[in-house]
Amino acid sequence: MDIKSAEMAFFREGTTDQIAQKLLGTTLNYRNPDGQLFSGLIVETEAYLGELDSAAHAFKGRHTAANDPLYGPAGTIYIYSIYGHYLFDVATQEAGVPQGVLIRAIQPTVGIEQMQINRHQTGYNLTNGPGKVMAAFGIHDLNLNGRLAQQPPLWIDYSHPKQPQAIIASARIGVENQGDWASKPYRFLVGGNPYVSKIRKREVDLINLGWQD
């Protein structure tokens, strides 16, 4: 297996909901055109299971120019816009199987000051939602759509993941009206991490932020 194949294997080995959990604790990175690096630990994901999933963009085999990256090889970046907000998704499984994982929230680690400028926000609200992550990175277009998430300028580093103390599963957010699959527990989060969207204050772990170390 060559290096590229080994990297792509990360995004196709296991079911998509398993991959969504495996992504927790990996690092999402972006190096902007000015060379500035932004990074953060992934703390919340959602799995979307393609043609059978009534909440998925490829439900019933829907295939358009907009969602074409979902049909690409494992690890293909799928960026899309909702109400003016850009969201980051990565395709899983083999090419032609339109399943993917939405990155819902990160714990920022590098480039935090510029993220705060980009978002006009500080604190946990900085990156505790999928549109907020992209805005914090300064990404406001589809230019990186269709690239692979294993290489700059927008990539996921899964070589040394941080380990959650607990992974919590729940229903996905914002798809309540999308049929029978809307309530399935395909949202995964690092239990206690304060950057998780909609987390209750009493659930926040301010000592370890939900990590094992």
C-alpha atoms as a PDB file:
ATOM      1  CA  MET A   1       0.000   0.000   0.000  1.00  0.00           C
ATOM      2  CA  ASP A   2       1.507   3.372  -1.009  1.00  0.00           C
ATOM      3  CA  ILE A   3       1.435   6.434   1.288  1.00  0.00           C
ATOM      4  CA  LYS A   4      -1.570   8.008  -0.428  1.00  0.00           C
ATOM      5  CA  SER A   5      -3.567   4.783  -0.192  1.00  0.00           C
ATOM      6  CA  ALA A   6      -2.664   4.412   3.479  1.00  0.00           C
ATOM      7  CA  GLU A   7      -3.832   7.959   4.179  1.00  0.00           C
ATOM      8  CA  MET A   8      -7.098   7.485   2.312  1.00  0.00           C
ATOM      9  CA  ALA A   9      -7.699   4.285   4.263  1.00  0.00           C
ATOM     10  CA  PHE A  10      -8.314   6.351   7.405  1.00  0.00           C
ATOM     11  CA  PHE A  11     -11.495   7.730   5.821  1.00  0.00           C
ATOM     12  CA  ARG A  12     -12.852   4.452   4.500  1.00  0.00           C
ATOM     13  CA  GLU A  13     -11.978   1.833   7.125  1.00  0.00           C
ATOM     14  CA  GLY A  14     -15.017   1.252   9.286  1.00  0.00           C
ATOM     15  CA  THR A  15     -18.566   2.512   8.976  1.00  0.00           C
ATOM     16  CA  THR A  16     -19.083   6.247   8.563  1.00  0.00           C
ATOM     17  CA  ASP A  17     -20.350   6.614  12.127  1.00  0.00           C
ATOM     18  CA  GLN A  18     -17.195   4.846  13.345  1.00  0.00           C
ATOM     19  CA  ILE A  19     -15.047   7.207  11.282  1.00  0.00           C
ATOM     20  CA  ALA A  20     -16.926  10.179  12.750  1.00  0.00           C
ATOM     21  CA  GLN A  21     -15.902   8.986  16.213  1.00  0.00           C
ATOM     22  CA  LYS A  22     -12.347   8.252  15.099  1.00  0.00           C
ATOM     23  CA  LEU A  23     -11.996  11.870  13.949  1.00  0.00           C
ATOM     24  CA  LEU A  24     -12.547  13.183  17.477  1.00  0.00           C
ATOM     25  CA  GLY A  25      -9.187  14.329  18.838  1.00  0.00           C
ATOM     26  CA  THR A  26      -7.555  14.672  15.420  1.00  0.00           C
ATOM     27  CA  THR A  27      -6.436  18.112  14.261  1.00  0.00           C
ATOM     28  CA  LEU A  28      -8.052  20.227  11.560  1.00  0.00           C
ATOM     29  CA  ASN A  29      -5.530  22.597   9.946  1.00  0.00           C
ATOM     30  CA  TYR A  30      -5.700  25.450   7.460  1.00  0.00           C
ATOM     31  CA  ARG A  31      -2.832  27.522   6.048  1.00  0.00           C
ATOM     32  CA  ASN A  32      -4.252  30.647   4.437  1.00  0.00           C
ATOM     33  CA  PRO A  33      -2.828  32.364   1.322  1.00  0.00           C
ATOM     34  CA  ASP A  34      -0.732  34.623   3.590  1.00  0.00           C
ATOM     35  CA  GLY A  35       0.915  31.583   5.140  1.00  0.00           C
ATOM     36  CA  GLN A  36      -0.806  31.853   8.513  1.00  0.00           C
ATOM     37  CA  LEU A  37      -1.668  28.535  10.159  1.00  0.00           C
ATOM     38  CA  PHE A  38      -4.914  27.826  11.981  1.00  0.00           C
ATOM     39  CA  SER A  39      -5.419  24.578  13.880  1.00  0.00           C
ATOM     40  CA  GLY A  40      -7.841  22.977  16.298  1.00  0.00           C
ATOM     41  CA  LEU A  41      -8.723  19.637  17.842  1.00  0.00           C
ATOM     42  CA  ILE A  42     -11.936  18.189  16.447  1.00  0.00           C
ATOM     43  CA  VAL A  43     -14.416  17.848  19.313  1.00  0.00           C
ATOM     44  CA  GLU A  44     -17.742  17.289  17.529  1.00  0.00           C
ATOM     45  CA  THR A  45     -18.758  15.479  14.344  1.00  0.00           C
ATOM     46  CA  GLU A  46     -21.860  14.217  12.568  1.00  0.00           C
ATOM     47  CA  ALA A  47     -22.105  11.186  10.302  1.00  0.00           C
ATOM     48  CA  TYR A  48     -24.302  11.218   7.186  1.00  0.00           C
ATOM     49  CA  LEU A  49     -24.948   7.873   5.524  1.00  0.00           C
ATOM     50  CA  GLY A  50     -25.808   8.713   1.949  1.00  0.00           C
ATOM     51  CA  GLU A  51     -28.708   7.396  -0.118  1.00  0.00           C
ATOM     52  CA  LEU A  52     -30.649   5.804   2.756  1.00  0.00           C
ATOM     53  CA  ASP A  53     -30.176   8.715   5.184  1.00  0.00           C
ATOM     54  CA  SER A  54     -33.089  11.137   4.907  1.00  0.00           C
ATOM     55  CA  ALA A  55     -30.950  13.899   6.480  1.00  0.00           C
ATOM     56  CA  ALA A  56     -28.071  13.450   4.005  1.00  0.00           C
ATOM     57  CA  HIS A  57     -27.389  15.559   0.919  1.00  0.00           C
ATOM     58  CA  ALA A  58     -27.231  12.379  -1.177  1.00  0.00           C
ATOM     59  CA  PHE A  59     -30.551  10.951   0.063  1.00  0.00           C
ATOM     60  CA  LYS A  60     -32.188   8.739  -2.583  1.00  0.00           C
ATOM     61  CA  GLY A  61     -29.055   9.030  -4.729  1.00  0.00           C
ATOM     62  CA  ARG A  62     -29.263  12.789  -5.256  1.00  0.00           C
ATOM     63  CA  HIS A  63     -26.159  13.757  -7.214  1.00  0.00           C
ATOM     64  CA  THR A  64     -25.593  17.343  -8.333  1.00  0.00           C
ATOM     65  CA  ALA A  65     -22.645  19.566  -9.140  1.00  0.00           C
ATOM     66  CA  ALA A  66     -22.898  20.951  -5.602  1.00  0.00           C
ATOM     67  CA  ASN A  67     -22.630  17.642  -3.744  1.00  0.00           C
ATOM     68  CA  ASP A  68     -20.357  15.888  -6.258  1.00  0.00           C
ATOM     69  CA  PRO A  69     -17.370  15.806  -3.807  1.00  0.00           C
ATOM     70  CA  LEU A  70     -19.371  13.396  -1.627  1.00  0.00           C
ATOM     71  CA  TYR A  71     -19.131  10.896  -4.483  1.00  0.00           C
ATOM     72  CA  GLY A  72     -15.351  11.239  -4.605  1.00  0.00           C
ATOM     73  CA  PRO A  73     -12.730   8.994  -3.001  1.00  0.00           C
ATOM     74  CA  ALA A  74     -12.437   8.724   0.760  1.00  0.00           C
ATOM     75  CA  GLY A  75     -10.960  11.897   2.218  1.00  0.00           C
ATOM     76  CA  THR A  76     -12.394  14.278  -0.382  1.00  0.00           C
ATOM     77  CA  ILE A  77     -13.290  17.702   1.034  1.00  0.00           C
ATOM     78  CA  TYR A  78     -16.927  18.721   0.639  1.00  0.00           C
ATOM     79  CA  ILE A  79     -17.591  22.380   1.463  1.00  0.00           C
ATOM     80  CA  TYR A  80     -21.100  23.734   1.195  1.00  0.00           C
ATOM     81  CA  SER A  81     -22.993  26.870   2.133  1.00  0.00           C
ATOM     82  CA  ILE A  82     -26.143  27.210   4.228  1.00  0.00           C
ATOM     83  CA  TYR A  83     -27.667  30.654   4.852  1.00  0.00           C
ATOM     84  CA  GLY A  84     -24.349  32.285   4.021  1.00  0.00           C
ATOM     85  CA  HIS A  85     -22.309  30.047   6.342  1.00  0.00           C
ATOM     86  CA  TYR A  86     -19.693  27.656   4.963  1.00  0.00           C
ATOM     87  CA  LEU A  87     -19.401  24.146   6.410  1.00  0.00           C
ATOM     88  CA  PHE A  88     -16.650  21.530   6.160  1.00  0.00           C
ATOM     89  CA  ASP A  89     -17.466  17.907   5.424  1.00  0.00           C
ATOM     90  CA  VAL A  90     -15.190  15.060   4.391  1.00  0.00           C
ATOM     91  CA  ALA A  91     -16.243  12.104   2.238  1.00  0.00           C
ATOM     92  CA  THR A  92     -15.898   8.595   3.608  1.00  0.00           C
ATOM     93  CA  GLN A  93     -16.029   5.134   2.044  1.00  0.00           C
ATOM     94  CA  GLU A  94     -15.136   4.259  -1.538  1.00  0.00           C
ATOM     95  CA  ALA A  95     -15.653   6.567  -4.509  1.00  0.00           C
ATOM     96  CA  GLY A  96     -19.283   6.465  -5.574  1.00  0.00           C
ATOM     97  CA  VAL A  97     -20.567   5.881  -2.028  1.00  0.00           C
ATOM     98  CA  PRO A  98     -21.766   9.369  -0.991  1.00  0.00           C
ATOM     99  CA  GLN A  99     -21.289   9.236   2.762  1.00  0.00           C
ATOM    100  CA  GLY A 100     -19.479  11.814   4.821  1.00  0.00           C
ATOM    101  CA  VAL A 101     -18.694  13.407   8.168  1.00  0.00           C
ATOM    102  CA  LEU A 102     -19.466  17.017   9.072  1.00  0.00           C
ATOM    103  CA  ILE A 103     -16.932  18.719  11.354  1.00  0.00           C
ATOM    104  CA  ARG A 104     -19.170  20.559  13.808  1.00  0.00           C
ATOM    105  CA  ALA A 105     -16.728  22.066  16.330  1.00  0.00           C
ATOM    106  CA  ILE A 106     -13.050  22.369  17.209  1.00  0.00           C
ATOM    107  CA  GLN A 107     -10.980  23.355  20.218  1.00  0.00           C
ATOM    108  CA  PRO A 108      -8.611  25.991  18.767  1.00  0.00           C
ATOM    109  CA  THR A 109      -4.887  25.463  19.309  1.00  0.00           C
ATOM    110  CA  VAL A 110      -2.992  27.586  16.758  1.00  0.00           C
ATOM    111  CA  GLY A 111      -3.842  31.007  15.308  1.00  0.00           C
ATOM    112  CA  ILE A 112      -6.358  31.798  18.038  1.00  0.00           C
ATOM    113  CA  GLU A 113      -5.801  35.557  18.040  1.00  0.00           C
ATOM    114  CA  GLN A 114      -6.508  35.840  14.314  1.00  0.00           C
ATOM    115  CA  MET A 115      -9.515  33.526  14.691  1.00  0.00           C
ATOM    116  CA  GLN A 116     -10.905  35.968  17.243  1.00  0.00           C
ATOM    117  CA  ILE A 117     -10.392  38.821  14.800  1.00  0.00           C
ATOM    118  CA  ASN A 118     -12.015  36.851  11.988  1.00  0.00           C
ATOM    119  CA  ARG A 119     -15.036  36.001  14.115  1.00  0.00           C
ATOM    120  CA  HIS A 120     -15.233  39.122  16.289  1.00  0.00           C
ATOM    121  CA  GLN A 121     -15.630  36.660  19.141  1.00  0.00           C
ATOM    122  CA  THR A 122     -13.685  35.265  22.089  1.00  0.00           C
ATOM    123  CA  GLY A 123     -14.203  32.325  24.395  1.00  0.00           C
ATOM    124  CA  TYR A 124     -15.894  29.028  23.653  1.00  0.00           C
ATOM    125  CA  ASN A 125     -18.311  30.605  21.194  1.00  0.00           C
ATOM    126  CA  LEU A 126     -15.362  31.079  18.821  1.00  0.00           C
ATOM    127  CA  THR A 127     -15.558  27.652  17.154  1.00  0.00           C
ATOM    128  CA  ASN A 128     -18.508  25.807  18.728  1.00  0.00           C
ATOM    129  CA  GLY A 129     -20.431  25.306  15.496  1.00  0.00           C
ATOM    130  CA  PRO A 130     -19.653  24.226  11.919  1.00  0.00           C
ATOM    131  CA  GLY A 131     -20.121  27.660  10.342  1.00  0.00           C
ATOM    132  CA  LYS A 132     -18.094  29.230  13.133  1.00  0.00           C
ATOM    133  CA  VAL A 133     -15.134  26.937  12.448  1.00  0.00           C
ATOM    134  CA  MET A 134     -14.876  27.992   8.813  1.00  0.00           C
ATOM    135  CA  ALA A 135     -15.411  31.667   9.631  1.00  0.00           C
ATOM    136  CA  ALA A 136     -12.693  31.505  12.306  1.00  0.00           C
ATOM    137  CA  PHE A 137     -10.311  30.060   9.716  1.00  0.00           C
ATOM    138  CA  GLY A 138     -11.286  32.843   7.303  1.00  0.00           C
ATOM    139  CA  ILE A 139     -12.782  30.489   4.692  1.00  0.00           C
ATOM    140  CA  HIS A 140     -15.723  32.096   2.892  1.00  0.00           C
ATOM    141  CA  ASP A 141     -15.861  30.309  -0.463  1.00  0.00           C
ATOM    142  CA  LEU A 142     -15.822  26.906  -2.171  1.00  0.00           C
ATOM    143  CA  ASN A 143     -12.303  27.143  -3.599  1.00  0.00           C
ATOM    144  CA  LEU A 144     -11.014  24.156  -1.609  1.00  0.00           C
ATOM    145  CA  ASN A 145     -13.959  21.946  -2.546  1.00  0.00           C
ATOM    146  CA  GLY A 146     -12.971  18.590  -4.010  1.00  0.00           C
ATOM    147  CA  ARG A 147      -9.400  18.561  -2.684  1.00  0.00           C
ATOM    148  CA  LEU A 148      -8.150  15.790  -0.406  1.00  0.00           C
ATOM    149  CA  ALA A 149      -8.141  16.347   3.343  1.00  0.00           C
ATOM    150  CA  GLN A 150      -4.715  14.745   3.667  1.00  0.00           C
ATOM    151  CA  GLN A 151      -2.762  17.663   2.207  1.00  0.00           C
ATOM    152  CA  PRO A 152      -2.459  21.451   2.673  1.00  0.00           C
ATOM    153  CA  PRO A 153      -3.828  24.021   2.602  1.00  0.00           C
ATOM    154  CA  LEU A 154      -6.829  22.461   4.406  1.00  0.00           C
ATOM    155  CA  TRP A 155      -6.127  19.114   5.998  1.00  0.00           C
ATOM    156  CA  ILE A 156      -6.762  16.760   8.897  1.00  0.00           C
ATOM    157  CA  ASP A 157      -3.786  15.433  10.859  1.00  0.00           C
ATOM    158  CA  TYR A 158      -4.737  12.133  12.463  1.00  0.00           C
ATOM    159  CA  SER A 159      -1.190  10.938  13.239  1.00  0.00           C
ATOM    160  CA  HIS A 160      -1.260  11.742  16.981  1.00  0.00           C
ATOM    161  CA  PRO A 161      -4.880  12.088  18.077  1.00  0.00           C
ATOM    162  CA  LYS A 162      -5.826  13.233  21.546  1.00  0.00           C
ATOM    163  CA  GLN A 163      -7.988  10.687  23.353  1.00  0.00           C
ATOM    164  CA  PRO A 164     -11.407  11.674  24.741  1.00  0.00           C
ATOM    165  CA  GLN A 165     -12.352  10.485  28.207  1.00  0.00           C
ATOM    166  CA  ALA A 166     -15.791   9.728  26.807  1.00  0.00           C
ATOM    167  CA  ILE A 167     -17.498   9.922  23.420  1.00  0.00           C
ATOM    168  CA  ILE A 168     -21.158  10.864  23.603  1.00  0.00           C
ATOM    169  CA  ALA A 169     -23.641  10.114  20.826  1.00  0.00           C
ATOM    170  CA  SER A 170     -26.845  12.056  20.232  1.00  0.00           C
ATOM    171  CA  ALA A 171     -29.254  13.082  17.494  1.00  0.00           C
ATOM    172  CA  ARG A 172     -27.840  15.413  14.865  1.00  0.00           C
ATOM    173  CA  ILE A 173     -28.539  19.141  15.062  1.00  0.00           C
ATOM    174  CA  GLY A 174     -30.600  21.131  12.577  1.00  0.00           C
ATOM    175  CA  VAL A 175     -32.127  18.173  10.728  1.00  0.00           C
ATOM    176  CA  GLU A 176     -35.204  17.677  12.889  1.00  0.00           C
ATOM    177  CA  ASN A 177     -37.546  17.888   9.894  1.00  0.00           C
ATOM    178  CA  GLN A 178     -35.589  15.518   7.648  1.00  0.00           C
ATOM    179  CA  GLY A 179     -37.571  12.334   8.037  1.00  0.00           C
ATOM    180  CA  ASP A 180     -37.069   9.091   9.927  1.00  0.00           C
ATOM    181  CA  TRP A 181     -33.294   9.363  10.160  1.00  0.00           C
ATOM    182  CA  ALA A 182     -33.298  12.779  11.857  1.00  0.00           C
ATOM    183  CA  SER A 183     -33.360  11.315  15.359  1.00  0.00           C
ATOM    184  CA  LYS A 184     -30.667   8.686  14.841  1.00  0.00           C
ATOM    185  CA  PRO A 185     -27.628   9.096  17.153  1.00  0.00           C
ATOM    186  CA  TYR A 186     -25.078  10.093  14.536  1.00  0.00           C
ATOM    187  CA  ARG A 187     -23.702  13.191  16.294  1.00  0.00           C
ATOM    188  CA  PHE A 188     -20.570  12.465  18.293  1.00  0.00           C
ATOM    189  CA  LEU A 189     -18.777  14.715  20.755  1.00  0.00           C
ATOM    190  CA  VAL A 190     -15.982  14.796  23.284  1.00  0.00           C
ATOM    191  CA  GLY A 191     -17.882  14.636  26.563  1.00  0.00           C
ATOM    192  CA  GLY A 192     -17.277  17.724  28.694  1.00  0.00           C
ATOM    193  CA  ASN A 193     -15.396  19.745  26.100  1.00  0.00           C
ATOM    194  CA  PRO A 194     -16.551  23.379  26.348  1.00  0.00           C
ATOM    195  CA  TYR A 195     -16.247  23.975  22.589  1.00  0.00           C
ATOM    196  CA  VAL A 196     -18.995  21.447  21.821  1.00  0.00           C
ATOM    197  CA  SER A 197     -22.069  23.202  20.437  1.00  0.00           C
ATOM    198  CA  LYS A 198     -25.063  23.578  22.737  1.00  0.00           C
ATOM    199  CA  ILE A 199     -23.283  22.003  25.729  1.00  0.00           C
ATOM    200  CA  ARG A 200     -24.833  22.755  29.121  1.00  0.00           C
ATOM    201  CA  LYS A 201     -22.633  24.562  31.649  1.00  0.00           C
ATOM    202  CA  ARG A 202     -23.066  21.790  34.208  1.00  0.00           C
ATOM    203  CA  GLU A 203     -21.664  19.291  31.703  1.00  0.00           C
ATOM    204  CA  VAL A 204     -18.424  21.197  31.009  1.00  0.00           C
ATOM    205  CA  ASP A 205     -15.110  19.760  32.220  1.00  0.00           C
ATOM    206  CA  LEU A 206     -12.952  22.825  32.858  1.00  0.00           C
ATOM    207  CA  ILE A 207     -10.040  20.777  34.228  1.00  0.00           C
ATOM    208  CA  ASN A 208      -9.281  18.314  31.417  1.00  0.00           C
ATOM    209  CA  LEU A 209     -11.694  19.662  28.772  1.00  0.00           C
ATOM    210  CA  GLY A 210     -12.849  16.083  28.276  1.00  0.00           C
ATOM    211  CA  TRP A 211      -9.442  14.634  27.320  1.00  0.00           C
ATOM    212  CA  GLN A 212      -7.622  11.715  28.913  1.00  0.00           C
ATOM    213  CA  ASP A 213      -4.399  13.711  29.364  1.00  0.00           C
END
